[in-house]
Amino acid sequence: MTDFHPVYLLNAAVFAILGILIFVGAFVLVDKITPYALWKEIVEDRNVALAIMVGAMSIGVCIIIAAAVH
């Protein structure tokens, strides 16, 4: 436990918040680029293909963010 410093916890929190903000920004950007409302199509119209596409995009963006933070 001698290697633990509170700064490490602060760094983890900052990077987690930054990663979440970048992910939300990427989702909003993709939502604006597409000609229809993603959330409406997925939730109300139950478009499974679009949900799979958004899920794949989410995983891709998260992998990129994790690699950049690491």
PDB file of N, CA and C in Angstrom:
ATOM      1  N   MET A   1       0.821  -1.187   0.000  1.00  0.00           N
ATOM      2  CA  MET A   1       0.000   0.000   0.000  1.00  0.00           C
ATOM      3  C   MET A   1       0.867   1.254   0.000  1.00  0.00           C
ATOM      4  N   THR A   2       2.161   1.104   0.036  1.00  0.00           N
ATOM      5  CA  THR A   2       3.040   2.269   0.077  1.00  0.00           C
ATOM      6  C   THR A   2       3.122   2.969  -1.271  1.00  0.00           C
ATOM      7  N   ASP A   3       2.714   2.291  -2.348  1.00  0.00           N
ATOM      8  CA  ASP A   3       2.790   2.896  -3.670  1.00  0.00           C
ATOM      9  C   ASP A   3       1.539   3.682  -4.047  1.00  0.00           C
ATOM     10  N   PHE A   4       0.548   3.690  -3.198  1.00  0.00           N
ATOM     11  CA  PHE A   4      -0.694   4.405  -3.508  1.00  0.00           C
ATOM     12  C   PHE A   4      -0.543   5.881  -3.172  1.00  0.00           C
ATOM     13  N   HIS A   5      -0.936   6.714  -4.122  1.00  0.00           N
ATOM     14  CA  HIS A   5      -0.964   8.152  -3.907  1.00  0.00           C
ATOM     15  C   HIS A   5      -2.345   8.659  -4.311  1.00  0.00           C
ATOM     16  N   PRO A   6      -2.908   9.596  -3.582  1.00  0.00           N
ATOM     17  CA  PRO A   6      -4.230  10.132  -3.936  1.00  0.00           C
ATOM     18  C   PRO A   6      -4.272  10.753  -5.331  1.00  0.00           C
ATOM     19  N   VAL A   7      -3.137  11.157  -5.838  1.00  0.00           N
ATOM     20  CA  VAL A   7      -3.081  11.747  -7.175  1.00  0.00           C
ATOM     21  C   VAL A   7      -3.500  10.722  -8.231  1.00  0.00           C
ATOM     22  N   TYR A   8      -3.183   9.450  -7.988  1.00  0.00           N
ATOM     23  CA  TYR A   8      -3.575   8.401  -8.934  1.00  0.00           C
ATOM     24  C   TYR A   8      -5.090   8.306  -9.039  1.00  0.00           C
ATOM     25  N   LEU A   9      -5.768   8.416  -7.920  1.00  0.00           N
ATOM     26  CA  LEU A   9      -7.228   8.380  -7.911  1.00  0.00           C
ATOM     27  C   LEU A   9      -7.800   9.587  -8.645  1.00  0.00           C
ATOM     28  N   LEU A  10      -7.206  10.736  -8.451  1.00  0.00           N
ATOM     29  CA  LEU A  10      -7.640  11.946  -9.148  1.00  0.00           C
ATOM     30  C   LEU A  10      -7.413  11.810 -10.648  1.00  0.00           C
ATOM     31  N   ASN A  11      -6.265  11.275 -11.051  1.00  0.00           N
ATOM     32  CA  ASN A  11      -5.991  11.059 -12.474  1.00  0.00           C
ATOM     33  C   ASN A  11      -7.009  10.116 -13.102  1.00  0.00           C
ATOM     34  N   ALA A  12      -7.330   9.037 -12.399  1.00  0.00           N
ATOM     35  CA  ALA A  12      -8.310   8.083 -12.914  1.00  0.00           C
ATOM     36  C   ALA A  12      -9.675   8.741 -13.080  1.00  0.00           C
ATOM     37  N   ALA A  13     -10.071   9.550 -12.118  1.00  0.00           N
ATOM     38  CA  ALA A  13     -11.368  10.230 -12.200  1.00  0.00           C
ATOM     39  C   ALA A  13     -11.393  11.225 -13.351  1.00  0.00           C
ATOM     40  N   VAL A  14     -10.315  11.976 -13.526  1.00  0.00           N
ATOM     41  CA  VAL A  14     -10.262  12.959 -14.609  1.00  0.00           C
ATOM     42  C   VAL A  14     -10.320  12.262 -15.965  1.00  0.00           C
ATOM     43  N   PHE A  15      -9.543  11.188 -16.138  1.00  0.00           N
ATOM     44  CA  PHE A  15      -9.554  10.478 -17.407  1.00  0.00           C
ATOM     45  C   PHE A  15     -10.897   9.798 -17.665  1.00  0.00           C
ATOM     46  N   ALA A  16     -11.555   9.285 -16.620  1.00  0.00           N
ATOM     47  CA  ALA A  16     -12.865   8.664 -16.790  1.00  0.00           C
ATOM     48  C   ALA A  16     -13.895   9.710 -17.239  1.00  0.00           C
ATOM     49  N   ILE A  17     -13.893  10.862 -16.592  1.00  0.00           N
ATOM     50  CA  ILE A  17     -14.832  11.918 -16.968  1.00  0.00           C
ATOM     51  C   ILE A  17     -14.544  12.416 -18.373  1.00  0.00           C
ATOM     52  N   LEU A  18     -13.274  12.595 -18.696  1.00  0.00           N
ATOM     53  CA  LEU A  18     -12.895  13.037 -20.036  1.00  0.00           C
ATOM     54  C   LEU A  18     -13.315  12.020 -21.094  1.00  0.00           C
ATOM     55  N   GLY A  19     -13.111  10.735 -20.807  1.00  0.00           N
ATOM     56  CA  GLY A  19     -13.520   9.691 -21.744  1.00  0.00           C
ATOM     57  C   GLY A  19     -15.024   9.662 -21.966  1.00  0.00           C
ATOM     58  N   ILE A  20     -15.781   9.828 -20.902  1.00  0.00           N
ATOM     59  CA  ILE A  20     -17.241   9.837 -21.023  1.00  0.00           C
ATOM     60  C   ILE A  20     -17.704  11.048 -21.829  1.00  0.00           C
ATOM     61  N   LEU A  21     -17.104  12.201 -21.592  1.00  0.00           N
ATOM     62  CA  LEU A  21     -17.479  13.396 -22.346  1.00  0.00           C
ATOM     63  C   LEU A  21     -17.157  13.255 -23.833  1.00  0.00           C
ATOM     64  N   ILE A  22     -16.010  12.673 -24.143  1.00  0.00           N
ATOM     65  CA  ILE A  22     -15.653  12.456 -25.546  1.00  0.00           C
ATOM     66  C   ILE A  22     -16.612  11.464 -26.186  1.00  0.00           C
ATOM     67  N   PHE A  23     -16.980  10.415 -25.462  1.00  0.00           N
ATOM     68  CA  PHE A  23     -17.923   9.431 -25.993  1.00  0.00           C
ATOM     69  C   PHE A  23     -19.280  10.064 -26.264  1.00  0.00           C
ATOM     70  N   VAL A  24     -19.778  10.852 -25.339  1.00  0.00           N
ATOM     71  CA  VAL A  24     -21.074  11.514 -25.535  1.00  0.00           C
ATOM     72  C   VAL A  24     -20.997  12.475 -26.719  1.00  0.00           C
ATOM     73  N   GLY A  25     -19.881  13.192 -26.832  1.00  0.00           N
ATOM     74  CA  GLY A  25     -19.701  14.090 -27.968  1.00  0.00           C
ATOM     75  C   GLY A  25     -19.694  13.346 -29.295  1.00  0.00           C
ATOM     76  N   ALA A  26     -19.045  12.182 -29.324  1.00  0.00           N
ATOM     77  CA  ALA A  26     -19.024  11.379 -30.550  1.00  0.00           C
ATOM     78  C   ALA A  26     -20.421  10.872 -30.897  1.00  0.00           C
ATOM     79  N   PHE A  27     -21.188  10.470 -29.888  1.00  0.00           N
ATOM     80  CA  PHE A  27     -22.547  10.002 -30.138  1.00  0.00           C
ATOM     81  C   PHE A  27     -23.419  11.136 -30.682  1.00  0.00           C
ATOM     82  N   VAL A  28     -23.288  12.320 -30.093  1.00  0.00           N
ATOM     83  CA  VAL A  28     -24.068  13.473 -30.567  1.00  0.00           C
ATOM     84  C   VAL A  28     -23.667  13.827 -31.993  1.00  0.00           C
ATOM     85  N   LEU A  29     -22.379  13.759 -32.293  1.00  0.00           N
ATOM     86  CA  LEU A  29     -21.901  14.053 -33.648  1.00  0.00           C
ATOM     87  C   LEU A  29     -22.476  13.065 -34.661  1.00  0.00           C
ATOM     88  N   VAL A  30     -22.455  11.783 -34.337  1.00  0.00           N
ATOM     89  CA  VAL A  30     -23.026  10.783 -35.240  1.00  0.00           C
ATOM     90  C   VAL A  30     -24.534  10.983 -35.371  1.00  0.00           C
ATOM     91  N   ASP A  31     -25.185  11.358 -34.277  1.00  0.00           N
ATOM     92  CA  ASP A  31     -26.628  11.617 -34.315  1.00  0.00           C
ATOM     93  C   ASP A  31     -26.942  12.796 -35.227  1.00  0.00           C
ATOM     94  N   LYS A  32     -26.108  13.817 -35.217  1.00  0.00           N
ATOM     95  CA  LYS A  32     -26.331  14.985 -36.083  1.00  0.00           C
ATOM     96  C   LYS A  32     -26.021  14.677 -37.546  1.00  0.00           C
ATOM     97  N   ILE A  33     -25.060  13.804 -37.793  1.00  0.00           N
ATOM     98  CA  ILE A  33     -24.666  13.477 -39.170  1.00  0.00           C
ATOM     99  C   ILE A  33     -25.731  12.632 -39.866  1.00  0.00           C
ATOM    100  N   THR A  34     -26.345  11.725 -39.129  1.00  0.00           N
ATOM    101  CA  THR A  34     -27.346  10.845 -39.739  1.00  0.00           C
ATOM    102  C   THR A  34     -28.620  11.632 -40.049  1.00  0.00           C
ATOM    103  N   PRO A  35     -29.336  11.222 -41.100  1.00  0.00           N
ATOM    104  CA  PRO A  35     -30.527  11.981 -41.507  1.00  0.00           C
ATOM    105  C   PRO A  35     -31.757  11.746 -40.627  1.00  0.00           C
ATOM    106  N   TYR A  36     -31.658  10.919 -39.610  1.00  0.00           N
ATOM    107  CA  TYR A  36     -32.794  10.636 -38.736  1.00  0.00           C
ATOM    108  C   TYR A  36     -32.314  10.652 -37.290  1.00  0.00           C
ATOM    109  N   ALA A  37     -33.239  10.723 -36.364  1.00  0.00           N
ATOM    110  CA  ALA A  37     -32.896  10.744 -34.941  1.00  0.00           C
ATOM    111  C   ALA A  37     -32.577   9.324 -34.476  1.00  0.00           C
ATOM    112  N   LEU A  38     -31.337   9.099 -34.075  1.00  0.00           N
ATOM    113  CA  LEU A  38     -30.922   7.750 -33.672  1.00  0.00           C
ATOM    114  C   LEU A  38     -31.736   7.225 -32.498  1.00  0.00           C
ATOM    115  N   TRP A  39     -31.875   8.036 -31.467  1.00  0.00           N
ATOM    116  CA  TRP A  39     -32.564   7.557 -30.273  1.00  0.00           C
ATOM    117  C   TRP A  39     -34.023   7.202 -30.571  1.00  0.00           C
ATOM    118  N   LYS A  40     -34.693   8.024 -31.375  1.00  0.00           N
ATOM    119  CA  LYS A  40     -36.086   7.742 -31.741  1.00  0.00           C
ATOM    120  C   LYS A  40     -36.175   6.451 -32.544  1.00  0.00           C
ATOM    121  N   GLU A  41     -35.276   6.275 -33.486  1.00  0.00           N
ATOM    122  CA  GLU A  41     -35.292   5.061 -34.318  1.00  0.00           C
ATOM    123  C   GLU A  41     -35.054   3.809 -33.482  1.00  0.00           C
ATOM    124  N   ILE A  42     -34.144   3.891 -32.527  1.00  0.00           N
ATOM    125  CA  ILE A  42     -33.804   2.707 -31.730  1.00  0.00           C
ATOM    126  C   ILE A  42     -34.889   2.409 -30.702  1.00  0.00           C
ATOM    127  N   VAL A  43     -35.331   3.430 -29.964  1.00  0.00           N
ATOM    128  CA  VAL A  43     -36.252   3.203 -28.851  1.00  0.00           C
ATOM    129  C   VAL A  43     -37.698   3.081 -29.313  1.00  0.00           C
ATOM    130  N   GLU A  44     -38.158   4.037 -30.103  1.00  0.00           N
ATOM    131  CA  GLU A  44     -39.574   4.036 -30.471  1.00  0.00           C
ATOM    132  C   GLU A  44     -39.871   3.093 -31.631  1.00  0.00           C
ATOM    133  N   ASP A  45     -39.029   3.128 -32.673  1.00  0.00           N
ATOM    134  CA  ASP A  45     -39.289   2.300 -33.850  1.00  0.00           C
ATOM    135  C   ASP A  45     -38.646   0.924 -33.766  1.00  0.00           C
ATOM    136  N   ARG A  46     -37.845   0.684 -32.730  1.00  0.00           N
ATOM    137  CA  ARG A  46     -37.188  -0.612 -32.474  1.00  0.00           C
ATOM    138  C   ARG A  46     -36.384  -1.103 -33.680  1.00  0.00           C
ATOM    139  N   ASN A  47     -35.528  -0.236 -34.194  1.00  0.00           N
ATOM    140  CA  ASN A  47     -34.682  -0.569 -35.331  1.00  0.00           C
ATOM    141  C   ASN A  47     -33.449  -1.314 -34.818  1.00  0.00           C
ATOM    142  N   VAL A  48     -33.473  -2.644 -34.924  1.00  0.00           N
ATOM    143  CA  VAL A  48     -32.411  -3.484 -34.380  1.00  0.00           C
ATOM    144  C   VAL A  48     -31.102  -3.281 -35.141  1.00  0.00           C
ATOM    145  N   ALA A  49     -31.165  -3.155 -36.450  1.00  0.00           N
ATOM    146  CA  ALA A  49     -29.956  -2.965 -37.241  1.00  0.00           C
ATOM    147  C   ALA A  49     -29.240  -1.671 -36.845  1.00  0.00           C
ATOM    148  N   LEU A  50     -29.996  -0.624 -36.627  1.00  0.00           N
ATOM    149  CA  LEU A  50     -29.403   0.642 -36.214  1.00  0.00           C
ATOM    150  C   LEU A  50     -28.823   0.531 -34.809  1.00  0.00           C
ATOM    151  N   ALA A  51     -29.489  -0.203 -33.938  1.00  0.00           N
ATOM    152  CA  ALA A  51     -28.972  -0.401 -32.582  1.00  0.00           C
ATOM    153  C   ALA A  51     -27.641  -1.149 -32.618  1.00  0.00           C
ATOM    154  N   ILE A  52     -27.519  -2.145 -33.486  1.00  0.00           N
ATOM    155  CA  ILE A  52     -26.260  -2.871 -33.622  1.00  0.00           C
ATOM    156  C   ILE A  52     -25.173  -1.948 -34.158  1.00  0.00           C
ATOM    157  N   MET A  53     -25.519  -1.104 -35.124  1.00  0.00           N
ATOM    158  CA  MET A  53     -24.550  -0.167 -35.682  1.00  0.00           C
ATOM    159  C   MET A  53     -24.075   0.835 -34.623  1.00  0.00           C
ATOM    160  N   VAL A  54     -24.986   1.363 -33.843  1.00  0.00           N
ATOM    161  CA  VAL A  54     -24.616   2.311 -32.797  1.00  0.00           C
ATOM    162  C   VAL A  54     -23.793   1.610 -31.712  1.00  0.00           C
ATOM    163  N   GLY A  55     -24.119   0.383 -31.405  1.00  0.00           N
ATOM    164  CA  GLY A  55     -23.329  -0.382 -30.437  1.00  0.00           C
ATOM    165  C   GLY A  55     -21.905  -0.608 -30.923  1.00  0.00           C
ATOM    166  N   ALA A  56     -21.756  -0.958 -32.193  1.00  0.00           N
ATOM    167  CA  ALA A  56     -20.422  -1.152 -32.763  1.00  0.00           C
ATOM    168  C   ALA A  56     -19.646   0.168 -32.775  1.00  0.00           C
ATOM    169  N   MET A  57     -20.332   1.253 -33.108  1.00  0.00           N
ATOM    170  CA  MET A  57     -19.683   2.563 -33.083  1.00  0.00           C
ATOM    171  C   MET A  57     -19.249   2.913 -31.664  1.00  0.00           C
ATOM    172  N   SER A  58     -20.071   2.596 -30.696  1.00  0.00           N
ATOM    173  CA  SER A  58     -19.742   2.881 -29.301  1.00  0.00           C
ATOM    174  C   SER A  58     -18.510   2.105 -28.852  1.00  0.00           C
ATOM    175  N   ILE A  59     -18.456   0.839 -29.189  1.00  0.00           N
ATOM    176  CA  ILE A  59     -17.294   0.028 -28.825  1.00  0.00           C
ATOM    177  C   ILE A  59     -16.036   0.567 -29.500  1.00  0.00           C
ATOM    178  N   GLY A  60     -16.141   0.927 -30.773  1.00  0.00           N
ATOM    179  CA  GLY A  60     -14.994   1.475 -31.494  1.00  0.00           C
ATOM    180  C   GLY A  60     -14.484   2.764 -30.885  1.00  0.00           C
ATOM    181  N   VAL A  61     -15.387   3.672 -30.561  1.00  0.00           N
ATOM    182  CA  VAL A  61     -14.987   4.943 -29.961  1.00  0.00           C
ATOM    183  C   VAL A  61     -14.378   4.703 -28.582  1.00  0.00           C
ATOM    184  N   CYS A  62     -14.948   3.789 -27.822  1.00  0.00           N
ATOM    185  CA  CYS A  62     -14.419   3.499 -26.486  1.00  0.00           C
ATOM    186  C   CYS A  62     -13.022   2.884 -26.555  1.00  0.00           C
ATOM    187  N   ILE A  63     -12.778   2.026 -27.540  1.00  0.00           N
ATOM    188  CA  ILE A  63     -11.444   1.445 -27.705  1.00  0.00           C
ATOM    189  C   ILE A  63     -10.432   2.534 -28.060  1.00  0.00           C
ATOM    190  N   ILE A  64     -10.820   3.443 -28.925  1.00  0.00           N
ATOM    191  CA  ILE A  64      -9.927   4.546 -29.298  1.00  0.00           C
ATOM    192  C   ILE A  64      -9.633   5.442 -28.094  1.00  0.00           C
ATOM    193  N   ILE A  65     -10.655   5.762 -27.321  1.00  0.00           N
ATOM    194  CA  ILE A  65     -10.456   6.595 -26.130  1.00  0.00           C
ATOM    195  C   ILE A  65      -9.564   5.885 -25.125  1.00  0.00           C
ATOM    196  N   ALA A  66      -9.807   4.587 -24.905  1.00  0.00           N
ATOM    197  CA  ALA A  66      -8.990   3.840 -23.949  1.00  0.00           C
ATOM    198  C   ALA A  66      -7.526   3.775 -24.391  1.00  0.00           C
ATOM    199  N   ALA A  67      -7.297   3.613 -25.686  1.00  0.00           N
ATOM    200  CA  ALA A  67      -5.919   3.583 -26.184  1.00  0.00           C
ATOM    201  C   ALA A  67      -5.255   4.947 -26.051  1.00  0.00           C
ATOM    202  N   ALA A  68      -6.003   6.003 -26.251  1.00  0.00           N
ATOM    203  CA  ALA A  68      -5.437   7.350 -26.133  1.00  0.00           C
ATOM    204  C   ALA A  68      -5.126   7.687 -24.672  1.00  0.00           C
ATOM    205  N   VAL A  69      -5.976   7.246 -23.764  1.00  0.00           N
ATOM    206  CA  VAL A  69      -5.773   7.540 -22.349  1.00  0.00           C
ATOM    207  C   VAL A  69      -4.646   6.680 -21.777  1.00  0.00           C
ATOM    208  N   HIS A  70      -4.551   5.464 -22.238  1.00  0.00           N
ATOM    209  CA  HIS A  70      -3.550   4.534 -21.713  1.00  0.00           C
ATOM    210  C   HIS A  70      -2.194   4.976 -22.163  1.00  0.00           C
TER     211      HIS A  70
END
